[in-house]
Amino acid sequence: MAGPASPRLEPTGSTPPAGATTATTNGARVTAEPTPGEVAQNRALPEAALSELAEAVGLVLRDVARHQSTITWSGISRRVDLDLPWLRGSEQRELLTRVDRDTPTGEPLLSALVVTGDHAPTGVYHEVAAALGRELPHPQNGLQQHWQMDVLRLHSLWRHR
């Protein structure tokens, strides 16, 4: 049995699948996945939508840092008013890499603030760091402690920004 349809971010002006519901958010349309029997459009998130989404997620993460907290993907989803858990790992990595690409070398990445429901770093955290040329310890050699220090440093840096 299939679960509820998960939204997809489609470029404005594209045609949604038959029977899909849409809502416009910041110039991009959120479209429900096709129901069984419909042809799924298997394409990556459009460039313009990814850039716009990265900007919105960056604002959320900076606010989370100022409030001395962390946030899950579903929490970010609620804050940007889009259903983000459907993003594949590669799209999550690209999105957070865009958010952090201008983070100064001496500062921790804002993507450290994105956590799992168990309040642990997401697997994407290590991938974003690698994509940006940042060295992180291997999970068996202190990644958890390094991540905890990054979160504390972010909270300290953003407290008064």
N, C-alpha and C. Protein backbone atom coordinates (compact mmCIF):
# COMPACT_ATOMS: atom_id res chain seq x y z
N MET A 1 0.85 -1.18 0.00
CA MET A 1 0.00 0.00 0.00
C MET A 1 0.89 1.23 0.00
N ALA A 2 0.62 2.19 -0.84
CA ALA A 2 1.41 3.40 -0.94
C ALA A 2 1.03 4.38 0.16
N GLY A 3 2.03 5.14 0.63
CA GLY A 3 1.79 6.17 1.64
C GLY A 3 1.29 7.42 0.96
N PRO A 4 1.18 8.52 1.72
CA PRO A 4 0.71 9.76 1.13
C PRO A 4 1.73 10.30 0.13
N ALA A 5 1.23 11.01 -0.83
CA ALA A 5 2.09 11.59 -1.85
C ALA A 5 3.01 12.61 -1.20
N SER A 6 4.27 12.62 -1.62
CA SER A 6 5.20 13.62 -1.10
C SER A 6 5.41 14.68 -2.17
N PRO A 7 5.44 15.95 -1.75
CA PRO A 7 5.56 17.02 -2.73
C PRO A 7 6.92 17.06 -3.39
N ARG A 8 6.94 17.61 -4.60
CA ARG A 8 8.16 17.85 -5.36
C ARG A 8 8.16 19.33 -5.72
N LEU A 9 9.32 19.92 -5.72
CA LEU A 9 9.46 21.31 -6.12
C LEU A 9 9.63 21.33 -7.62
N GLU A 10 8.72 21.97 -8.32
CA GLU A 10 8.76 22.03 -9.77
C GLU A 10 8.98 23.48 -10.18
N PRO A 11 9.60 23.72 -11.32
CA PRO A 11 9.76 25.09 -11.77
C PRO A 11 8.41 25.71 -12.10
N THR A 12 8.28 27.00 -11.82
CA THR A 12 7.06 27.70 -12.15
C THR A 12 6.84 27.63 -13.65
N GLY A 13 5.62 27.35 -14.06
CA GLY A 13 5.31 27.26 -15.47
C GLY A 13 5.32 25.85 -15.99
N SER A 14 5.77 24.87 -15.20
CA SER A 14 5.73 23.49 -15.66
C SER A 14 4.34 22.92 -15.41
N THR A 15 4.00 21.88 -16.08
CA THR A 15 2.68 21.28 -15.96
C THR A 15 2.73 20.13 -14.97
N PRO A 16 1.88 20.16 -13.93
CA PRO A 16 1.88 19.08 -12.95
C PRO A 16 1.23 17.84 -13.53
N PRO A 17 1.54 16.67 -12.93
CA PRO A 17 0.86 15.45 -13.37
C PRO A 17 -0.64 15.58 -13.17
N ALA A 18 -1.40 14.84 -13.93
CA ALA A 18 -2.86 14.88 -13.83
C ALA A 18 -3.30 14.54 -12.41
N GLY A 19 -4.20 15.33 -11.87
CA GLY A 19 -4.74 15.07 -10.53
C GLY A 19 -3.86 15.56 -9.40
N ALA A 20 -2.69 16.13 -9.69
CA ALA A 20 -1.80 16.58 -8.63
C ALA A 20 -2.27 17.92 -8.10
N THR A 21 -2.00 18.17 -6.84
CA THR A 21 -2.32 19.46 -6.26
C THR A 21 -1.04 20.28 -6.20
N THR A 22 -1.20 21.57 -6.35
CA THR A 22 -0.03 22.43 -6.33
C THR A 22 -0.27 23.62 -5.43
N ALA A 23 0.82 24.18 -4.97
CA ALA A 23 0.80 25.42 -4.21
C ALA A 23 2.03 26.19 -4.61
N THR A 24 1.94 27.48 -4.68
CA THR A 24 3.09 28.29 -5.05
C THR A 24 3.77 28.79 -3.79
N THR A 25 5.09 28.62 -3.76
CA THR A 25 5.89 29.09 -2.64
C THR A 25 7.11 29.78 -3.20
N ASN A 26 7.25 31.08 -2.95
CA ASN A 26 8.41 31.84 -3.40
C ASN A 26 8.69 31.65 -4.88
N GLY A 27 7.66 31.61 -5.70
CA GLY A 27 7.85 31.51 -7.14
C GLY A 27 8.06 30.10 -7.66
N ALA A 28 8.15 29.10 -6.79
CA ALA A 28 8.29 27.72 -7.24
C ALA A 28 7.04 26.96 -6.86
N ARG A 29 6.68 25.96 -7.64
CA ARG A 29 5.47 25.21 -7.37
C ARG A 29 5.84 23.90 -6.70
N VAL A 30 5.09 23.54 -5.67
CA VAL A 30 5.24 22.26 -5.01
C VAL A 30 4.17 21.36 -5.58
N THR A 31 4.58 20.24 -6.14
CA THR A 31 3.66 19.34 -6.82
C THR A 31 3.71 17.97 -6.18
N ALA A 32 2.56 17.36 -5.98
CA ALA A 32 2.51 16.02 -5.40
C ALA A 32 3.09 15.02 -6.38
N GLU A 33 3.72 13.99 -5.85
CA GLU A 33 4.24 12.89 -6.66
C GLU A 33 3.08 12.23 -7.39
N PRO A 34 3.33 11.67 -8.54
CA PRO A 34 2.26 10.98 -9.25
C PRO A 34 1.73 9.81 -8.44
N THR A 35 0.45 9.54 -8.61
CA THR A 35 -0.14 8.39 -7.95
C THR A 35 0.26 7.14 -8.71
N PRO A 36 0.13 5.96 -8.10
CA PRO A 36 0.49 4.73 -8.81
C PRO A 36 -0.21 4.67 -10.17
N GLY A 37 0.54 4.25 -11.18
CA GLY A 37 -0.02 4.16 -12.53
C GLY A 37 0.34 5.36 -13.38
N GLU A 38 0.70 6.49 -12.76
CA GLU A 38 1.12 7.66 -13.52
C GLU A 38 2.62 7.56 -13.78
N VAL A 39 3.08 8.22 -14.80
CA VAL A 39 4.51 8.23 -15.11
C VAL A 39 5.18 9.27 -14.22
N ALA A 40 6.16 8.83 -13.46
CA ALA A 40 6.90 9.75 -12.57
C ALA A 40 7.93 10.50 -13.39
N GLN A 41 8.03 11.79 -13.16
CA GLN A 41 9.07 12.58 -13.79
C GLN A 41 10.29 12.50 -12.88
N ASN A 42 11.34 11.85 -13.36
CA ASN A 42 12.51 11.59 -12.54
C ASN A 42 13.60 12.59 -12.91
N ARG A 43 13.48 13.80 -12.37
CA ARG A 43 14.49 14.80 -12.67
C ARG A 43 14.92 15.47 -11.39
N ALA A 44 16.11 16.00 -11.42
CA ALA A 44 16.68 16.66 -10.24
C ALA A 44 15.96 17.99 -10.00
N LEU A 45 16.15 18.51 -8.82
CA LEU A 45 15.60 19.80 -8.46
C LEU A 45 16.15 20.86 -9.41
N PRO A 46 15.29 21.70 -9.99
CA PRO A 46 15.76 22.73 -10.93
C PRO A 46 16.74 23.69 -10.25
N GLU A 47 17.68 24.18 -11.04
CA GLU A 47 18.74 25.07 -10.54
C GLU A 47 18.18 26.29 -9.81
N ALA A 48 17.23 26.96 -10.40
CA ALA A 48 16.67 28.17 -9.78
C ALA A 48 15.99 27.83 -8.46
N ALA A 49 15.26 26.72 -8.43
CA ALA A 49 14.58 26.32 -7.20
C ALA A 49 15.60 25.93 -6.13
N LEU A 50 16.69 25.26 -6.52
CA LEU A 50 17.72 24.87 -5.57
C LEU A 50 18.40 26.10 -4.96
N SER A 51 18.70 27.09 -5.77
CA SER A 51 19.31 28.33 -5.27
C SER A 51 18.39 29.06 -4.32
N GLU A 52 17.12 29.16 -4.69
CA GLU A 52 16.14 29.83 -3.84
C GLU A 52 15.95 29.09 -2.52
N LEU A 53 15.90 27.79 -2.61
CA LEU A 53 15.73 26.96 -1.42
C LEU A 53 16.95 27.06 -0.51
N ALA A 54 18.15 27.09 -1.09
CA ALA A 54 19.38 27.22 -0.30
C ALA A 54 19.38 28.54 0.47
N GLU A 55 18.92 29.59 -0.16
CA GLU A 55 18.85 30.89 0.51
C GLU A 55 17.89 30.82 1.70
N ALA A 56 16.73 30.22 1.49
CA ALA A 56 15.74 30.10 2.57
C ALA A 56 16.25 29.21 3.71
N VAL A 57 16.88 28.09 3.37
CA VAL A 57 17.41 27.19 4.39
C VAL A 57 18.55 27.86 5.15
N GLY A 58 19.38 28.63 4.45
CA GLY A 58 20.45 29.37 5.12
C GLY A 58 19.90 30.34 6.16
N LEU A 59 18.83 31.04 5.82
CA LEU A 59 18.20 31.96 6.78
C LEU A 59 17.70 31.19 8.00
N VAL A 60 17.10 30.03 7.77
CA VAL A 60 16.60 29.21 8.88
C VAL A 60 17.76 28.77 9.76
N LEU A 61 18.84 28.28 9.16
CA LEU A 61 19.97 27.78 9.95
C LEU A 61 20.66 28.89 10.74
N ARG A 62 20.76 30.08 10.17
CA ARG A 62 21.34 31.20 10.93
C ARG A 62 20.45 31.56 12.11
N ASP A 63 19.14 31.53 11.91
CA ASP A 63 18.20 31.80 13.01
C ASP A 63 18.30 30.72 14.09
N VAL A 64 18.43 29.47 13.67
CA VAL A 64 18.57 28.36 14.62
C VAL A 64 19.85 28.55 15.44
N ALA A 65 20.94 28.95 14.77
CA ALA A 65 22.20 29.19 15.48
C ALA A 65 22.05 30.33 16.50
N ARG A 66 21.38 31.40 16.10
CA ARG A 66 21.15 32.53 17.02
C ARG A 66 20.35 32.11 18.24
N HIS A 67 19.45 31.16 18.05
CA HIS A 67 18.60 30.70 19.15
C HIS A 67 19.20 29.50 19.89
N GLN A 68 20.49 29.22 19.62
CA GLN A 68 21.22 28.19 20.36
C GLN A 68 20.56 26.83 20.29
N SER A 69 20.21 26.42 19.08
CA SER A 69 19.46 25.18 18.92
C SER A 69 19.99 24.38 17.74
N THR A 70 19.34 23.28 17.43
CA THR A 70 19.57 22.48 16.23
C THR A 70 18.20 22.24 15.61
N ILE A 71 18.17 21.64 14.42
CA ILE A 71 16.90 21.46 13.73
C ILE A 71 16.96 20.22 12.84
N THR A 72 15.84 19.55 12.70
CA THR A 72 15.73 18.39 11.81
C THR A 72 15.29 18.86 10.42
N TRP A 73 15.35 17.95 9.44
CA TRP A 73 14.85 18.28 8.11
C TRP A 73 13.37 18.63 8.16
N SER A 74 12.61 17.91 8.98
CA SER A 74 11.18 18.22 9.05
C SER A 74 10.96 19.58 9.71
N GLY A 75 11.81 19.97 10.64
CA GLY A 75 11.72 21.31 11.24
C GLY A 75 12.03 22.39 10.22
N ILE A 76 13.05 22.16 9.41
CA ILE A 76 13.37 23.12 8.34
C ILE A 76 12.19 23.18 7.37
N SER A 77 11.64 22.03 7.07
CA SER A 77 10.51 21.93 6.16
C SER A 77 9.36 22.82 6.62
N ARG A 78 9.05 22.75 7.89
CA ARG A 78 7.96 23.59 8.44
C ARG A 78 8.31 25.06 8.36
N ARG A 79 9.57 25.40 8.61
CA ARG A 79 9.98 26.80 8.61
C ARG A 79 9.97 27.42 7.21
N VAL A 80 10.30 26.63 6.19
CA VAL A 80 10.28 27.17 4.82
C VAL A 80 8.96 26.86 4.12
N ASP A 81 8.06 26.20 4.84
CA ASP A 81 6.72 25.87 4.34
C ASP A 81 6.76 24.99 3.09
N LEU A 82 7.69 24.03 3.07
CA LEU A 82 7.79 23.04 2.00
C LEU A 82 8.09 21.69 2.63
N ASP A 83 7.73 20.63 1.96
CA ASP A 83 8.02 19.29 2.45
C ASP A 83 9.38 18.86 1.93
N LEU A 84 10.44 19.02 2.75
CA LEU A 84 11.80 18.73 2.32
C LEU A 84 12.28 17.30 2.53
N PRO A 85 11.68 16.49 3.40
CA PRO A 85 12.23 15.15 3.59
C PRO A 85 12.32 14.32 2.32
N TRP A 86 11.58 14.66 1.29
CA TRP A 86 11.64 13.92 0.03
C TRP A 86 12.95 14.15 -0.70
N LEU A 87 13.72 15.19 -0.34
CA LEU A 87 14.98 15.43 -1.02
C LEU A 87 15.89 14.21 -0.87
N ARG A 88 16.47 13.78 -1.96
CA ARG A 88 17.44 12.68 -1.91
C ARG A 88 18.72 13.17 -1.24
N GLY A 89 19.53 12.24 -0.79
CA GLY A 89 20.79 12.59 -0.12
C GLY A 89 21.66 13.51 -0.94
N SER A 90 21.74 13.26 -2.25
CA SER A 90 22.57 14.12 -3.11
C SER A 90 22.00 15.53 -3.18
N GLU A 91 20.67 15.66 -3.17
CA GLU A 91 20.05 16.99 -3.19
C GLU A 91 20.24 17.68 -1.84
N GLN A 92 20.14 16.92 -0.74
CA GLN A 92 20.40 17.49 0.59
C GLN A 92 21.83 18.01 0.65
N ARG A 93 22.77 17.20 0.16
CA ARG A 93 24.19 17.60 0.16
C ARG A 93 24.38 18.86 -0.67
N GLU A 94 23.81 18.90 -1.87
CA GLU A 94 23.96 20.07 -2.73
C GLU A 94 23.34 21.30 -2.08
N LEU A 95 22.18 21.14 -1.50
CA LEU A 95 21.50 22.25 -0.84
C LEU A 95 22.35 22.81 0.31
N LEU A 96 22.81 21.93 1.20
CA LEU A 96 23.60 22.39 2.34
C LEU A 96 24.99 22.87 1.93
N THR A 97 25.54 22.32 0.85
CA THR A 97 26.83 22.81 0.34
C THR A 97 26.66 24.25 -0.13
N ARG A 98 25.55 24.54 -0.79
CA ARG A 98 25.28 25.91 -1.22
C ARG A 98 25.10 26.85 -0.01
N VAL A 99 24.43 26.35 1.01
CA VAL A 99 24.24 27.16 2.22
C VAL A 99 25.59 27.52 2.83
N ASP A 100 26.52 26.56 2.85
CA ASP A 100 27.79 26.73 3.55
C ASP A 100 28.97 27.15 2.68
N ARG A 101 28.77 27.33 1.40
CA ARG A 101 29.93 27.61 0.56
C ARG A 101 30.63 28.92 0.89
N ASP A 102 29.94 29.87 1.49
CA ASP A 102 30.57 31.14 1.87
C ASP A 102 30.94 31.20 3.34
N THR A 103 30.82 30.08 4.06
CA THR A 103 31.20 30.05 5.46
C THR A 103 32.72 30.21 5.53
N PRO A 104 33.20 31.19 6.31
CA PRO A 104 34.65 31.39 6.42
C PRO A 104 35.36 30.11 6.89
N THR A 105 36.57 29.92 6.40
CA THR A 105 37.35 28.72 6.68
C THR A 105 37.48 28.41 8.16
N GLY A 106 37.63 29.37 9.01
CA GLY A 106 37.82 29.14 10.44
C GLY A 106 36.53 28.88 11.21
N GLU A 107 35.39 28.98 10.54
CA GLU A 107 34.11 28.80 11.23
C GLU A 107 33.50 27.45 10.90
N PRO A 108 32.74 26.89 11.85
CA PRO A 108 32.06 25.62 11.56
C PRO A 108 30.93 25.83 10.56
N LEU A 109 30.57 24.76 9.88
CA LEU A 109 29.52 24.81 8.87
C LEU A 109 28.14 24.85 9.52
N LEU A 110 27.27 25.69 8.98
CA LEU A 110 25.89 25.76 9.48
C LEU A 110 25.17 24.43 9.33
N SER A 111 25.59 23.62 8.38
CA SER A 111 24.95 22.33 8.18
C SER A 111 25.11 21.41 9.39
N ALA A 112 26.01 21.73 10.30
CA ALA A 112 26.15 20.94 11.53
C ALA A 112 24.89 21.04 12.39
N LEU A 113 24.09 22.07 12.16
CA LEU A 113 22.88 22.27 12.96
C LEU A 113 21.71 21.39 12.51
N VAL A 114 21.85 20.72 11.36
CA VAL A 114 20.81 19.82 10.88
C VAL A 114 21.05 18.45 11.50
N VAL A 115 20.07 17.99 12.25
CA VAL A 115 20.23 16.74 13.01
C VAL A 115 19.14 15.74 12.67
N THR A 116 19.38 14.51 13.10
CA THR A 116 18.38 13.46 12.98
C THR A 116 17.42 13.58 14.15
N GLY A 117 16.37 12.78 14.16
CA GLY A 117 15.42 12.78 15.26
C GLY A 117 16.05 12.36 16.58
N ASP A 118 17.20 11.69 16.51
CA ASP A 118 17.93 11.27 17.71
C ASP A 118 18.94 12.31 18.16
N HIS A 119 18.87 13.50 17.62
CA HIS A 119 19.78 14.60 17.90
C HIS A 119 21.24 14.20 17.64
N ALA A 120 21.46 13.64 16.49
CA ALA A 120 22.80 13.28 16.02
C ALA A 120 23.01 13.95 14.67
N PRO A 121 24.25 14.12 14.26
CA PRO A 121 24.48 14.75 12.95
C PRO A 121 23.94 13.86 11.83
N THR A 122 23.47 14.48 10.77
CA THR A 122 23.01 13.71 9.62
C THR A 122 24.22 13.19 8.86
N GLY A 123 24.04 12.17 8.06
CA GLY A 123 25.12 11.65 7.23
C GLY A 123 25.61 12.67 6.22
N VAL A 124 24.76 13.61 5.89
CA VAL A 124 25.09 14.63 4.91
C VAL A 124 26.13 15.61 5.46
N TYR A 125 26.19 15.77 6.77
CA TYR A 125 27.14 16.69 7.40
C TYR A 125 28.57 16.39 6.95
N HIS A 126 28.97 15.15 7.00
CA HIS A 126 30.31 14.74 6.60
C HIS A 126 30.52 14.98 5.10
N GLU A 127 29.49 14.71 4.30
CA GLU A 127 29.57 14.89 2.85
C GLU A 127 29.70 16.36 2.47
N VAL A 128 28.97 17.24 3.15
CA VAL A 128 29.06 18.67 2.87
C VAL A 128 30.46 19.17 3.19
N ALA A 129 30.98 18.75 4.33
CA ALA A 129 32.34 19.15 4.71
C ALA A 129 33.34 18.70 3.65
N ALA A 130 33.23 17.46 3.20
CA ALA A 130 34.14 16.94 2.17
C ALA A 130 33.99 17.72 0.87
N ALA A 131 32.75 18.03 0.48
CA ALA A 131 32.51 18.78 -0.76
C ALA A 131 33.13 20.18 -0.71
N LEU A 132 33.25 20.72 0.50
CA LEU A 132 33.82 22.06 0.67
C LEU A 132 35.30 22.03 1.04
N GLY A 133 35.89 20.83 1.00
CA GLY A 133 37.32 20.71 1.31
C GLY A 133 37.65 20.81 2.78
N ARG A 134 36.67 20.54 3.62
CA ARG A 134 36.88 20.57 5.08
C ARG A 134 37.16 19.16 5.56
N GLU A 135 38.14 19.02 6.38
CA GLU A 135 38.48 17.71 6.94
C GLU A 135 37.72 17.49 8.23
N LEU A 136 37.04 16.36 8.32
CA LEU A 136 36.37 15.95 9.54
C LEU A 136 36.90 14.58 9.93
N PRO A 137 36.89 14.27 11.22
CA PRO A 137 37.34 12.94 11.63
C PRO A 137 36.40 11.86 11.10
N HIS A 138 36.93 10.68 10.95
CA HIS A 138 36.13 9.51 10.58
C HIS A 138 35.15 9.24 11.73
N PRO A 139 33.94 8.71 11.42
CA PRO A 139 32.97 8.45 12.49
C PRO A 139 33.52 7.64 13.66
N GLN A 140 34.47 6.74 13.41
CA GLN A 140 35.04 5.95 14.50
C GLN A 140 36.16 6.68 15.23
N ASN A 141 36.57 7.83 14.72
CA ASN A 141 37.70 8.55 15.32
C ASN A 141 37.33 9.94 15.81
N GLY A 142 36.14 10.09 16.35
CA GLY A 142 35.80 11.35 16.98
C GLY A 142 34.88 12.28 16.22
N LEU A 143 34.20 11.81 15.20
CA LEU A 143 33.29 12.68 14.46
C LEU A 143 32.20 13.24 15.37
N GLN A 144 31.64 12.43 16.24
CA GLN A 144 30.57 12.87 17.14
C GLN A 144 31.05 14.04 18.02
N GLN A 145 32.23 13.91 18.59
CA GLN A 145 32.76 14.98 19.45
C GLN A 145 33.07 16.24 18.64
N HIS A 146 33.61 16.05 17.44
CA HIS A 146 33.90 17.19 16.57
C HIS A 146 32.61 17.92 16.22
N TRP A 147 31.58 17.17 15.88
CA TRP A 147 30.28 17.76 15.55
C TRP A 147 29.73 18.53 16.75
N GLN A 148 29.80 17.95 17.95
CA GLN A 148 29.30 18.63 19.14
C GLN A 148 30.03 19.95 19.36
N MET A 149 31.33 19.96 19.15
CA MET A 149 32.10 21.20 19.29
C MET A 149 31.71 22.21 18.22
N ASP A 150 31.47 21.74 16.99
CA ASP A 150 31.02 22.65 15.93
C ASP A 150 29.69 23.31 16.30
N VAL A 151 28.76 22.54 16.83
CA VAL A 151 27.46 23.08 17.23
C VAL A 151 27.66 24.13 18.32
N LEU A 152 28.47 23.84 19.32
CA LEU A 152 28.74 24.81 20.40
C LEU A 152 29.40 26.07 19.85
N ARG A 153 30.34 25.92 18.94
CA ARG A 153 31.01 27.08 18.35
C ARG A 153 30.04 27.92 17.52
N LEU A 154 29.16 27.26 16.77
CA LEU A 154 28.15 27.99 16.00
C LEU A 154 27.24 28.79 16.92
N HIS A 155 26.82 28.19 18.00
CA HIS A 155 25.95 28.89 18.94
C HIS A 155 26.67 30.11 19.50
N SER A 156 27.93 29.97 19.83
CA SER A 156 28.71 31.08 20.37
C SER A 156 28.91 32.17 19.31
N LEU A 157 29.25 31.78 18.09
CA LEU A 157 29.49 32.76 17.01
C LEU A 157 28.23 33.54 16.63
N TRP A 158 27.09 32.87 16.61
CA TRP A 158 25.87 33.49 16.12
C TRP A 158 25.02 34.11 17.21
N ARG A 159 25.42 33.98 18.45
CA ARG A 159 24.63 34.51 19.57
C ARG A 159 24.32 35.99 19.38
N HIS A 160 25.29 36.77 18.91
CA HIS A 160 25.09 38.22 18.82
C HIS A 160 25.18 38.74 17.39
N ARG A 161 25.09 37.86 16.41
CA ARG A 161 25.13 38.32 15.01
C ARG A 161 23.76 38.73 14.55
